[in-house]
Amino acid sequence: MVNEGLPRAVEVILAVLGLAVTAPLWIVAAISVAASSPGPILFRQERLGRNGIPFTLYKFRTMRAAQGGLQVTARDDARVTPVGRVLRLMKLDEWPELWNVALGDMSLVGPRPEVPRYVELDDPLWQQIFHVRPGLTDPVAVHLRNEEELMSRVEGDRERFYVQTLLRYKLLGNLAYLKKRTWRSDIAVLFKTIAVVTFPGSAPAPSLQEITDFMAEKQGAEAGSSA
């Protein structure tokens, strides 16, 4: 069982206010993106939302246009522009997602939406996640604010590590949150998100070894219970 958080009407009001307040900064971000490399200012990508329904996610473009490669990003990814690195570090590339919130594709707080390539629709964990709208932020995303750095430390198949370890780590963490979620806890997540973006050292982030050990323990427990 998963719980709902902030009422939808409140989210729409906050999203519209957010769009209005940040509008002047959008101009600065848009000019910076346009000057960083040729291509569109906004990045559009298909993600899966509530009930597994696809929607178009909007972000400021942080990579060079027409670049192939993985759909996950590491700190050392050569596709990211210098301006894009700043936007990603400060999470400013996420601002256009307020429009997704206003449209009803997303919530302010909820599991981050994933690209279809990495989603297993028949997985019970994903089926529970799809009971709620994806969000701009969630407690796991706040905890894993060093995700790109972690990915850069992976030796070997980064995509495989992301799907088999990091993504499952996110799913388990988000489901644990959703089972005890309230509108008050959603507000707390929003404030904590602002705090860790403004003061990155205000909360510790996990190491690659900690995540690997945690998932190995979980997988061992699952194997033992099914034996």
Foldseek 3Di string as FASTA:
>chain_A
DFADADDLVVQLVVLVVLCVVCVVVVVVQQVVLVVQEDDHQKDWAWFAWAPRHIDIAIFGDQFHPPDDDDPDAAPPDPRGTPSSNVCLLLVVRRSVCSVVSNVPQAGQEAAATDHPVLDDPPDPLVNVSNNHTHHSYYPVCLQVVNVRHQLVPDPDDSVCCCNPFVVVLSSVVRRVQRRVYYNVVVVVRVVSSVVCSVPVPPDHHDHNVVRVVVVVVVVVVVVVVVD
